[in-house]
PDB file of all heavy atoms in Angstrom:
ATOM      1  N   ASN A   1      91.610  77.907 104.527  1.00  0.00           N
ATOM      2  CA  ASN A   1      90.305  77.617 103.951  1.00  0.00           C
ATOM      3  C   ASN A   1      89.965  78.683 102.902  1.00  0.00           C
ATOM      4  O   ASN A   1      90.591  79.742 102.851  1.00  0.00           O
ATOM      5  CB  ASN A   1      89.224  77.490 105.039  1.00  0.00           C
ATOM      6  CG  ASN A   1      88.950  78.779 105.770  1.00  0.00           C
ATOM      7  OD1 ASN A   1      88.972  79.858 105.179  1.00  0.00           O
ATOM      8  ND2 ASN A   1      88.687  78.678 107.057  1.00  0.00           N
ATOM      9  N   VAL A   2      88.999  78.396 102.072  1.00  0.00           N
ATOM     10  CA  VAL A   2      88.674  79.265 100.938  1.00  0.00           C
ATOM     11  C   VAL A   2      88.190  80.634 101.402  1.00  0.00           C
ATOM     12  O   VAL A   2      88.532  81.655 100.791  1.00  0.00           O
ATOM     13  CB  VAL A   2      87.620  78.595 100.018  1.00  0.00           C
ATOM     14  CG1 VAL A   2      87.212  79.512  98.888  1.00  0.00           C
ATOM     15  CG2 VAL A   2      88.167  77.289  99.448  1.00  0.00           C
ATOM     16  N   ASP A   3      87.426  80.695 102.481  1.00  0.00           N
ATOM     17  CA  ASP A   3      86.926  81.987 102.973  1.00  0.00           C
ATOM     18  C   ASP A   3      88.071  82.915 103.371  1.00  0.00           C
ATOM     19  O   ASP A   3      88.057  84.108 103.055  1.00  0.00           O
ATOM     20  CB  ASP A   3      85.973  81.791 104.156  1.00  0.00           C
ATOM     21  CG  ASP A   3      84.654  81.151 103.739  1.00  0.00           C
ATOM     22  OD1 ASP A   3      84.279  81.301 102.555  1.00  0.00           O
ATOM     23  OD2 ASP A   3      84.020  80.503 104.587  1.00  0.00           O
ATOM     24  N   ASP A   4      89.074  82.371 104.057  1.00  0.00           N
ATOM     25  CA  ASP A   4      90.231  83.183 104.428  1.00  0.00           C
ATOM     26  C   ASP A   4      91.014  83.613 103.184  1.00  0.00           C
ATOM     27  O   ASP A   4      91.517  84.731 103.111  1.00  0.00           O
ATOM     28  CB  ASP A   4      91.152  82.419 105.382  1.00  0.00           C
ATOM     29  CG  ASP A   4      90.537  82.244 106.758  1.00  0.00           C
ATOM     30  OD1 ASP A   4      89.597  82.997 107.095  1.00  0.00           O
ATOM     31  OD2 ASP A   4      90.996  81.342 107.504  1.00  0.00           O
ATOM     32  N   SER A   5      91.112  82.715 102.220  1.00  0.00           N
ATOM     33  CA  SER A   5      91.815  83.039 100.975  1.00  0.00           C
ATOM     34  C   SER A   5      91.107  84.150 100.210  1.00  0.00           C
ATOM     35  O   SER A   5      91.744  85.036  99.638  1.00  0.00           O
ATOM     36  CB  SER A   5      91.936  81.805 100.088  1.00  0.00           C
ATOM     37  OG  SER A   5      92.702  80.813 100.712  1.00  0.00           O
ATOM     38  N   ILE A   6      89.789  84.124 100.198  1.00  0.00           N
ATOM     39  CA  ILE A   6      89.010  85.185  99.535  1.00  0.00           C
ATOM     40  C   ILE A   6      89.288  86.522 100.212  1.00  0.00           C
ATOM     41  O   ILE A   6      89.483  87.542  99.544  1.00  0.00           O
ATOM     42  CB  ILE A   6      87.502  84.847  99.541  1.00  0.00           C
ATOM     43  CG1 ILE A   6      87.216  83.675  98.601  1.00  0.00           C
ATOM     44  CG2 ILE A   6      86.661  86.064  99.148  1.00  0.00           C
ATOM     45  CD1 ILE A   6      85.821  83.108  98.704  1.00  0.00           C
ATOM     46  N   ASP A   7      89.319  86.524 101.553  1.00  0.00           N
ATOM     47  CA  ASP A   7      89.621  87.760 102.289  1.00  0.00           C
ATOM     48  C   ASP A   7      91.011  88.282 101.931  1.00  0.00           C
ATOM     49  O   ASP A   7      91.198  89.492 101.746  1.00  0.00           O
ATOM     50  CB  ASP A   7      89.523  87.530 103.795  1.00  0.00           C
ATOM     51  CG  ASP A   7      88.096  87.282 104.269  1.00  0.00           C
ATOM     52  OD1 ASP A   7      87.153  87.646 103.521  1.00  0.00           O
ATOM     53  OD2 ASP A   7      87.931  86.726 105.367  1.00  0.00           O
ATOM     54  N   ILE A   8      91.982  87.396 101.829  1.00  0.00           N
ATOM     55  CA  ILE A   8      93.348  87.802 101.482  1.00  0.00           C
ATOM     56  C   ILE A   8      93.398  88.397 100.084  1.00  0.00           C
ATOM     57  O   ILE A   8      94.013  89.452  99.859  1.00  0.00           O
ATOM     58  CB  ILE A   8      94.311  86.606 101.616  1.00  0.00           C
ATOM     59  CG1 ILE A   8      94.485  86.245 103.087  1.00  0.00           C
ATOM     60  CG2 ILE A   8      95.655  86.909 100.959  1.00  0.00           C
ATOM     61  CD1 ILE A   8      95.194  84.935 103.320  1.00  0.00           C
ATOM     62  N   VAL A   9      92.750  87.752  99.137  1.00  0.00           N
ATOM     63  CA  VAL A   9      92.741  88.249  97.751  1.00  0.00           C
ATOM     64  C   VAL A   9      92.039  89.603  97.685  1.00  0.00           C
ATOM     65  O   VAL A   9      92.522  90.530  97.014  1.00  0.00           O
ATOM     66  CB  VAL A   9      92.084  87.218  96.807  1.00  0.00           C
ATOM     67  CG1 VAL A   9      91.866  87.799  95.419  1.00  0.00           C
ATOM     68  CG2 VAL A   9      92.932  85.957  96.729  1.00  0.00           C
ATOM     69  N   ASP A  10      90.925  89.752  98.383  1.00  0.00           N
ATOM     70  CA  ASP A  10      90.218  91.036  98.404  1.00  0.00           C
ATOM     71  C   ASP A  10      91.096  92.136  98.996  1.00  0.00           C
ATOM     72  O   ASP A  10      91.149  93.253  98.466  1.00  0.00           O
ATOM     73  CB  ASP A  10      88.907  90.932  99.196  1.00  0.00           C
ATOM     74  CG  ASP A  10      87.809  90.230  98.414  1.00  0.00           C
ATOM     75  OD1 ASP A  10      87.897  90.194  97.167  1.00  0.00           O
ATOM     76  OD2 ASP A  10      86.868  89.723  99.054  1.00  0.00           O
ATOM     77  N   LEU A  11      91.776  91.845 100.090  1.00  0.00           N
ATOM     78  CA  LEU A  11      92.671  92.826 100.702  1.00  0.00           C
ATOM     79  C   LEU A  11      93.809  93.204  99.762  1.00  0.00           C
ATOM     80  O   LEU A  11      94.193  94.374  99.665  1.00  0.00           O
ATOM     81  CB  LEU A  11      93.249  92.293 102.015  1.00  0.00           C
ATOM     82  CG  LEU A  11      92.284  92.261 103.185  1.00  0.00           C
ATOM     83  CD1 LEU A  11      92.904  91.485 104.348  1.00  0.00           C
ATOM     84  CD2 LEU A  11      91.929  93.663 103.617  1.00  0.00           C
ATOM     85  N   TYR A  12      94.352  92.237  99.069  1.00  0.00           N
ATOM     86  CA  TYR A  12      95.438  92.473  98.116  1.00  0.00           C
ATOM     87  C   TYR A  12      94.999  93.469  97.040  1.00  0.00           C
ATOM     88  O   TYR A  12      95.682  94.451  96.764  1.00  0.00           O
ATOM     89  CB  TYR A  12      95.853  91.133  97.499  1.00  0.00           C
ATOM     90  CG  TYR A  12      96.988  91.213  96.524  1.00  0.00           C
ATOM     91  CD1 TYR A  12      98.292  91.336  96.958  1.00  0.00           C
ATOM     92  CD2 TYR A  12      96.755  91.147  95.152  1.00  0.00           C
ATOM     93  CE1 TYR A  12      99.346  91.394  96.068  1.00  0.00           C
ATOM     94  CE2 TYR A  12      97.793  91.202  94.253  1.00  0.00           C
ATOM     95  CZ  TYR A  12      99.082  91.323  94.710  1.00  0.00           C
ATOM     96  OH  TYR A  12     100.114  91.389  93.820  1.00  0.00           O
ATOM     97  N   PHE A  13      93.823  93.220  96.449  1.00  0.00           N
ATOM     98  CA  PHE A  13      93.330  94.123  95.408  1.00  0.00           C
ATOM     99  C   PHE A  13      92.935  95.481  95.971  1.00  0.00           C
ATOM    100  O   PHE A  13      93.088  96.504  95.292  1.00  0.00           O
ATOM    101  CB  PHE A  13      92.168  93.487  94.634  1.00  0.00           C
ATOM    102  CG  PHE A  13      92.612  92.405  93.693  1.00  0.00           C
ATOM    103  CD1 PHE A  13      92.156  91.107  93.850  1.00  0.00           C
ATOM    104  CD2 PHE A  13      93.490  92.679  92.656  1.00  0.00           C
ATOM    105  CE1 PHE A  13      92.573  90.107  92.979  1.00  0.00           C
ATOM    106  CE2 PHE A  13      93.911  91.685  91.781  1.00  0.00           C
ATOM    107  CZ  PHE A  13      93.450  90.392  91.945  1.00  0.00           C
ATOM    108  N   ASP A  14      92.443  95.519  97.202  1.00  0.00           N
ATOM    109  CA  ASP A  14      92.116  96.801  97.836  1.00  0.00           C
ATOM    110  C   ASP A  14      93.367  97.653  98.037  1.00  0.00           C
ATOM    111  O   ASP A  14      93.350  98.860  97.798  1.00  0.00           O
ATOM    112  CB  ASP A  14      91.423  96.585  99.186  1.00  0.00           C
ATOM    113  CG  ASP A  14      89.983  96.113  99.054  1.00  0.00           C
ATOM    114  OD1 ASP A  14      89.420  96.230  97.946  1.00  0.00           O
ATOM    115  OD2 ASP A  14      89.437  95.625 100.062  1.00  0.00           O
ATOM    116  N   VAL A  15      94.447  97.016  98.481  1.00  0.00           N
ATOM    117  CA  VAL A  15      95.704  97.744  98.689  1.00  0.00           C
ATOM    118  C   VAL A  15      96.202  98.312  97.366  1.00  0.00           C
ATOM    119  O   VAL A  15      96.619  99.472  97.295  1.00  0.00           O
ATOM    120  CB  VAL A  15      96.769  96.824  99.340  1.00  0.00           C
ATOM    121  CG1 VAL A  15      98.150  97.450  99.276  1.00  0.00           C
ATOM    122  CG2 VAL A  15      96.385  96.519 100.776  1.00  0.00           C
ATOM    123  N   ILE A  16      96.156  97.516  96.312  1.00  0.00           N
ATOM    124  CA  ILE A  16      96.597  98.000  95.000  1.00  0.00           C
ATOM    125  C   ILE A  16      95.707  99.150  94.536  1.00  0.00           C
ATOM    126  O   ILE A  16      96.200 100.189  94.089  1.00  0.00           O
ATOM    127  CB  ILE A  16      96.602  96.858  93.966  1.00  0.00           C
ATOM    128  CG1 ILE A  16      97.699  95.845  94.310  1.00  0.00           C
ATOM    129  CG2 ILE A  16      96.813  97.402  92.556  1.00  0.00           C
ATOM    130  CD1 ILE A  16      97.669  94.595  93.469  1.00  0.00           C
ATOM    131  N   SER A  17      94.398  98.990  94.642  1.00  0.00           N
ATOM    132  CA  SER A  17      93.467 100.031  94.196  1.00  0.00           C
ATOM    133  C   SER A  17      93.663 101.341  94.949  1.00  0.00           C
ATOM    134  O   SER A  17      93.738 102.411  94.338  1.00  0.00           O
ATOM    135  CB  SER A  17      92.017  99.561  94.382  1.00  0.00           C
ATOM    136  OG  SER A  17      91.767  98.423  93.610  1.00  0.00           O
ATOM    137  N   LYS A  18      93.746 101.262  96.271  1.00  0.00           N
ATOM    138  CA  LYS A  18      93.936 102.473  97.077  1.00  0.00           C
ATOM    139  C   LYS A  18      95.279 103.127  96.776  1.00  0.00           C
ATOM    140  O   LYS A  18      95.390 104.351  96.709  1.00  0.00           O
ATOM    141  CB  LYS A  18      93.829 102.154  98.565  1.00  0.00           C
ATOM    142  CG  LYS A  18      92.413 101.861  99.004  1.00  0.00           C
ATOM    143  CD  LYS A  18      92.351 101.471 100.468  1.00  0.00           C
ATOM    144  CE  LYS A  18      90.942 101.045 100.852  1.00  0.00           C
ATOM    145  NZ  LYS A  18      90.873 100.543 102.212  1.00  0.00           N
ATOM    146  N   GLY A  19      96.310 102.328  96.588  1.00  0.00           N
ATOM    147  CA  GLY A  19      97.624 102.869  96.270  1.00  0.00           C
ATOM    148  C   GLY A  19      97.643 103.608  94.944  1.00  0.00           C
ATOM    149  O   GLY A  19      98.234 104.681  94.823  1.00  0.00           O
ATOM    150  N   VAL A  20      96.978 103.049  93.948  1.00  0.00           N
ATOM    151  CA  VAL A  20      96.925 103.709  92.635  1.00  0.00           C
ATOM    152  C   VAL A  20      96.141 105.011  92.727  1.00  0.00           C
ATOM    153  O   VAL A  20      96.548 106.034  92.188  1.00  0.00           O
ATOM    154  CB  VAL A  20      96.325 102.769  91.567  1.00  0.00           C
ATOM    155  CG1 VAL A  20      96.021 103.516  90.278  1.00  0.00           C
ATOM    156  CG2 VAL A  20      97.260 101.606  91.288  1.00  0.00           C
ATOM    157  N   VAL A  21      95.025 104.988  93.444  1.00  0.00           N
ATOM    158  CA  VAL A  21      94.204 106.194  93.574  1.00  0.00           C
ATOM    159  C   VAL A  21      94.954 107.278  94.348  1.00  0.00           C
ATOM    160  O   VAL A  21      94.987 108.437  93.932  1.00  0.00           O
ATOM    161  CB  VAL A  21      92.858 105.871  94.271  1.00  0.00           C
ATOM    162  CG1 VAL A  21      92.123 107.132  94.655  1.00  0.00           C
ATOM    163  CG2 VAL A  21      91.987 105.021  93.358  1.00  0.00           C
ATOM    164  N   GLU A  22      95.582 106.910  95.463  1.00  0.00           N
ATOM    165  CA  GLU A  22      96.235 107.906  96.323  1.00  0.00           C
ATOM    166  C   GLU A  22      97.607 108.347  95.812  1.00  0.00           C
ATOM    167  O   GLU A  22      97.937 109.526  95.840  1.00  0.00           O
ATOM    168  CB  GLU A  22      96.374 107.342  97.741  1.00  0.00           C
ATOM    169  CG  GLU A  22      95.038 107.169  98.441  1.00  0.00           C
ATOM    170  CD  GLU A  22      95.152 106.438  99.762  1.00  0.00           C
ATOM    171  OE1 GLU A  22      96.281 106.146 100.192  1.00  0.00           O
ATOM    172  OE2 GLU A  22      94.106 106.151 100.361  1.00  0.00           O
ATOM    173  N   ASP A  23      98.412 107.400  95.339  1.00  0.00           N
ATOM    174  CA  ASP A  23      99.793 107.712  94.969  1.00  0.00           C
ATOM    175  C   ASP A  23     100.027 107.755  93.458  1.00  0.00           C
ATOM    176  O   ASP A  23     101.074 108.218  93.014  1.00  0.00           O
ATOM    177  CB  ASP A  23     100.757 106.694  95.587  1.00  0.00           C
ATOM    178  CG  ASP A  23     100.658 106.654  97.100  1.00  0.00           C
ATOM    179  OD1 ASP A  23     100.364 107.702  97.694  1.00  0.00           O
ATOM    180  OD2 ASP A  23     100.857 105.573  97.681  1.00  0.00           O
ATOM    181  N   GLY A  24      99.100 107.221  92.691  1.00  0.00           N
ATOM    182  CA  GLY A  24      99.247 107.228  91.242  1.00  0.00           C
ATOM    183  C   GLY A  24     100.080 106.079  90.707  1.00  0.00           C
ATOM    184  O   GLY A  24     100.143 105.866  89.505  1.00  0.00           O
ATOM    185  N   GLU A  25     100.697 105.299  91.599  1.00  0.00           N
ATOM    186  CA  GLU A  25     101.547 104.204  91.136  1.00  0.00           C
ATOM    187  C   GLU A  25     101.760 103.203  92.264  1.00  0.00           C
ATOM    188  O   GLU A  25     101.943 103.588  93.409  1.00  0.00           O
ATOM    189  CB  GLU A  25     102.891 104.764  90.676  1.00  0.00           C
ATOM    190  CG  GLU A  25     103.869 103.737  90.171  1.00  0.00           C
ATOM    191  CD  GLU A  25     105.141 104.370  89.641  1.00  0.00           C
ATOM    192  OE1 GLU A  25     105.066 105.082  88.635  1.00  0.00           O
ATOM    193  OE2 GLU A  25     106.191 104.135  90.268  1.00  0.00           O
ATOM    194  N   VAL A  26     101.724 101.927  91.930  1.00  0.00           N
ATOM    195  CA  VAL A  26     102.029 100.861  92.885  1.00  0.00           C
ATOM    196  C   VAL A  26     103.002  99.908  92.206  1.00  0.00           C
ATOM    197  O   VAL A  26     102.707  99.367  91.143  1.00  0.00           O
ATOM    198  CB  VAL A  26     100.756 100.094  93.312  1.00  0.00           C
ATOM    199  CG1 VAL A  26     101.108  98.894  94.167  1.00  0.00           C
ATOM    200  CG2 VAL A  26      99.798 100.998  94.040  1.00  0.00           C
ATOM    201  N   LYS A  27     104.178  99.731  92.827  1.00  0.00           N
ATOM    202  CA  LYS A  27     105.184  98.808  92.310  1.00  0.00           C
ATOM    203  C   LYS A  27     105.207  97.563  93.182  1.00  0.00           C
ATOM    204  O   LYS A  27     105.294  97.664  94.404  1.00  0.00           O
ATOM    205  CB  LYS A  27     106.576  99.439  92.330  1.00  0.00           C
ATOM    206  CG  LYS A  27     106.779 100.491  91.296  1.00  0.00           C
ATOM    207  CD  LYS A  27     108.223 100.966  91.311  1.00  0.00           C
ATOM    208  CE  LYS A  27     108.401 102.054  90.275  1.00  0.00           C
ATOM    209  NZ  LYS A  27     109.787 102.508  90.190  1.00  0.00           N
ATOM    210  N   ILE A  28     105.135  96.416  92.553  1.00  0.00           N
ATOM    211  CA  ILE A  28     105.257  95.144  93.256  1.00  0.00           C
ATOM    212  C   ILE A  28     106.514  94.479  92.707  1.00  0.00           C
ATOM    213  O   ILE A  28     106.570  94.131  91.520  1.00  0.00           O
ATOM    214  CB  ILE A  28     104.013  94.262  93.039  1.00  0.00           C
ATOM    215  CG1 ILE A  28     102.762  95.003  93.529  1.00  0.00           C
ATOM    216  CG2 ILE A  28     104.186  92.928  93.757  1.00  0.00           C
ATOM    217  CD1 ILE A  28     101.473  94.322  93.205  1.00  0.00           C
ATOM    218  N   MET A  29     107.501  94.342  93.556  1.00  0.00           N
ATOM    219  CA  MET A  29     108.795  93.809  93.132  1.00  0.00           C
ATOM    220  C   MET A  29     108.627  92.443  92.471  1.00  0.00           C
ATOM    221  O   MET A  29     107.862  91.601  92.938  1.00  0.00           O
ATOM    222  CB  MET A  29     109.745  93.705  94.326  1.00  0.00           C
ATOM    223  CG  MET A  29     110.053  95.037  94.987  1.00  0.00           C
ATOM    224  SD  MET A  29     110.763  96.251  93.876  1.00  0.00           S
ATOM    225  CE  MET A  29     112.384  95.577  93.671  1.00  0.00           C
ATOM    226  N   ASN A  30     109.352  92.256  91.388  1.00  0.00           N
ATOM    227  CA  ASN A  30     109.359  91.004  90.615  1.00  0.00           C
ATOM    228  C   ASN A  30     107.991  90.644  90.037  1.00  0.00           C
ATOM    229  O   ASN A  30     107.757  89.500  89.662  1.00  0.00           O
ATOM    230  CB  ASN A  30     109.894  89.835  91.437  1.00  0.00           C
ATOM    231  CG  ASN A  30     111.322  90.049  91.857  1.00  0.00           C
ATOM    232  OD1 ASN A  30     112.118  90.603  91.103  1.00  0.00           O
ATOM    233  ND2 ASN A  30     111.654  89.639  93.053  1.00  0.00           N
ATOM    234  N   PHE A  31     107.071  91.601  89.983  1.00  0.00           N
ATOM    235  CA  PHE A  31     105.766  91.363  89.367  1.00  0.00           C
ATOM    236  C   PHE A  31     105.464  92.433  88.339  1.00  0.00           C
ATOM    237  O   PHE A  31     105.285  92.147  87.171  1.00  0.00           O
ATOM    238  CB  PHE A  31     104.663  91.296  90.427  1.00  0.00           C
ATOM    239  CG  PHE A  31     103.319  90.978  89.835  1.00  0.00           C
ATOM    240  CD1 PHE A  31     103.050  89.720  89.333  1.00  0.00           C
ATOM    241  CD2 PHE A  31     102.323  91.940  89.789  1.00  0.00           C
ATOM    242  CE1 PHE A  31     101.816  89.430  88.774  1.00  0.00           C
ATOM    243  CE2 PHE A  31     101.093  91.656  89.248  1.00  0.00           C
ATOM    244  CZ  PHE A  31     100.830  90.397  88.738  1.00  0.00           C
ATOM    245  N   GLY A  32     105.380  93.696  88.774  1.00  0.00           N
ATOM    246  CA  GLY A  32     105.098  94.771  87.838  1.00  0.00           C
ATOM    247  C   GLY A  32     104.638  96.036  88.528  1.00  0.00           C
ATOM    248  O   GLY A  32     104.648  96.131  89.756  1.00  0.00           O
ATOM    249  N   THR A  33     104.232  97.007  87.724  1.00  0.00           N
ATOM    250  CA  THR A  33     103.826  98.313  88.222  1.00  0.00           C
ATOM    251  C   THR A  33     102.447  98.667  87.682  1.00  0.00           C
ATOM    252  O   THR A  33     102.188  98.542  86.485  1.00  0.00           O
ATOM    253  CB  THR A  33     104.838  99.391  87.779  1.00  0.00           C
ATOM    254  OG1 THR A  33     106.140  98.993  88.197  1.00  0.00           O
ATOM    255  CG2 THR A  33     104.500 100.737  88.378  1.00  0.00           C
ATOM    256  N   PHE A  34     101.573  99.114  88.574  1.00  0.00           N
ATOM    257  CA  PHE A  34     100.263  99.644  88.206  1.00  0.00           C
ATOM    258  C   PHE A  34     100.375 101.161  88.222  1.00  0.00           C
ATOM    259  O   PHE A  34     100.797 101.733  89.224  1.00  0.00           O
ATOM    260  CB  PHE A  34      99.183  99.196  89.199  1.00  0.00           C
ATOM    261  CG  PHE A  34      98.965  97.712  89.214  1.00  0.00           C
ATOM    262  CD1 PHE A  34      99.708  96.886  90.048  1.00  0.00           C
ATOM    263  CD2 PHE A  34      98.017  97.139  88.389  1.00  0.00           C
ATOM    264  CE1 PHE A  34      99.511  95.517  90.070  1.00  0.00           C
ATOM    265  CE2 PHE A  34      97.803  95.766  88.401  1.00  0.00           C
ATOM    266  CZ  PHE A  34      98.558  94.957  89.241  1.00  0.00           C
ATOM    267  N   ILE A  35      99.996 101.826  87.127  1.00  0.00           N
ATOM    268  CA  ILE A  35     100.154 103.269  87.002  1.00  0.00           C
ATOM    269  C   ILE A  35      98.817 103.903  86.608  1.00  0.00           C
ATOM    270  O   ILE A  35      98.157 103.439  85.675  1.00  0.00           O
ATOM    271  CB  ILE A  35     101.202 103.615  85.925  1.00  0.00           C
ATOM    272  CG1 ILE A  35     102.534 102.958  86.254  1.00  0.00           C
ATOM    273  CG2 ILE A  35     101.363 105.119  85.773  1.00  0.00           C
ATOM    274  CD1 ILE A  35     103.522 102.977  85.117  1.00  0.00           C
ATOM    275  N   LYS A  36      98.439 104.970  87.337  1.00  0.00           N
ATOM    276  CA  LYS A  36      97.238 105.732  86.980  1.00  0.00           C
ATOM    277  C   LYS A  36      97.614 106.730  85.891  1.00  0.00           C
ATOM    278  O   LYS A  36      98.602 107.446  86.010  1.00  0.00           O
ATOM    279  CB  LYS A  36      96.681 106.466  88.196  1.00  0.00           C
ATOM    280  CG  LYS A  36      95.429 107.286  87.881  1.00  0.00           C
ATOM    281  CD  LYS A  36      94.786 107.842  89.126  1.00  0.00           C
ATOM    282  CE  LYS A  36      95.575 108.958  89.714  1.00  0.00           C
ATOM    283  NZ  LYS A  36      94.875 109.670  90.792  1.00  0.00           N
ATOM    284  N   LYS A  37      96.837 106.748  84.824  1.00  0.00           N
ATOM    285  CA  LYS A  37      97.104 107.668  83.726  1.00  0.00           C
ATOM    286  C   LYS A  37      95.812 108.379  83.368  1.00  0.00           C
ATOM    287  O   LYS A  37      94.765 107.749  83.217  1.00  0.00           O
ATOM    288  CB  LYS A  37      97.637 106.914  82.515  1.00  0.00           C
ATOM    289  CG  LYS A  37      97.964 107.818  81.359  1.00  0.00           C
ATOM    290  CD  LYS A  37      98.524 107.057  80.194  1.00  0.00           C
ATOM    291  CE  LYS A  37      98.820 108.047  79.089  1.00  0.00           C
ATOM    292  NZ  LYS A  37      99.222 107.371  77.856  1.00  0.00           N
ATOM    293  N   GLY A  38      95.902 109.695  83.242  1.00  0.00           N
ATOM    294  CA  GLY A  38      94.744 110.482  82.851  1.00  0.00           C
ATOM    295  C   GLY A  38      94.628 110.553  81.335  1.00  0.00           C
ATOM    296  O   GLY A  38      95.624 110.630  80.630  1.00  0.00           O
ATOM    297  N   LYS A  39      93.406 110.482  80.859  1.00  0.00           N
ATOM    298  CA  LYS A  39      93.147 110.639  79.428  1.00  0.00           C
ATOM    299  C   LYS A  39      92.313 111.888  79.243  1.00  0.00           C
ATOM    300  O   LYS A  39      91.311 112.082  79.927  1.00  0.00           O
ATOM    301  CB  LYS A  39      92.404 109.424  78.871  1.00  0.00           C
ATOM    302  CG  LYS A  39      93.253 108.177  78.815  1.00  0.00           C
ATOM    303  CD  LYS A  39      92.565 107.130  77.994  1.00  0.00           C
ATOM    304  CE  LYS A  39      93.515 105.974  77.748  1.00  0.00           C
ATOM    305  NZ  LYS A  39      92.977 105.056  76.762  1.00  0.00           N
ATOM    306  N   ALA A  40      92.719 112.733  78.324  1.00  0.00           N
ATOM    307  CA  ALA A  40      92.016 113.986  78.066  1.00  0.00           C
ATOM    308  C   ALA A  40      90.715 113.712  77.322  1.00  0.00           C
ATOM    309  O   ALA A  40      90.547 112.669  76.681  1.00  0.00           O
ATOM    310  CB  ALA A  40      92.906 114.917  77.244  1.00  0.00           C
ATOM    311  N   SER A  41      89.795 114.665  77.400  1.00  0.00           N
ATOM    312  CA  SER A  41      88.568 114.522  76.631  1.00  0.00           C
ATOM    313  C   SER A  41      88.912 114.663  75.149  1.00  0.00           C
ATOM    314  O   SER A  41      89.897 115.294  74.779  1.00  0.00           O
ATOM    315  CB  SER A  41      87.537 115.561  77.055  1.00  0.00           C
ATOM    316  OG  SER A  41      88.021 116.853  76.800  1.00  0.00           O
TER     317      SER A  41
END
């Protein structure tokens, strides 16, 4: 059902967000890599 699907999508994005914040990089095989990059002032 849609409510369960919303929970799954939210969890998916939470895992990616926490991984980027904590580890600086999240790799998802056959999809891509999210990388945290600092920008100087």
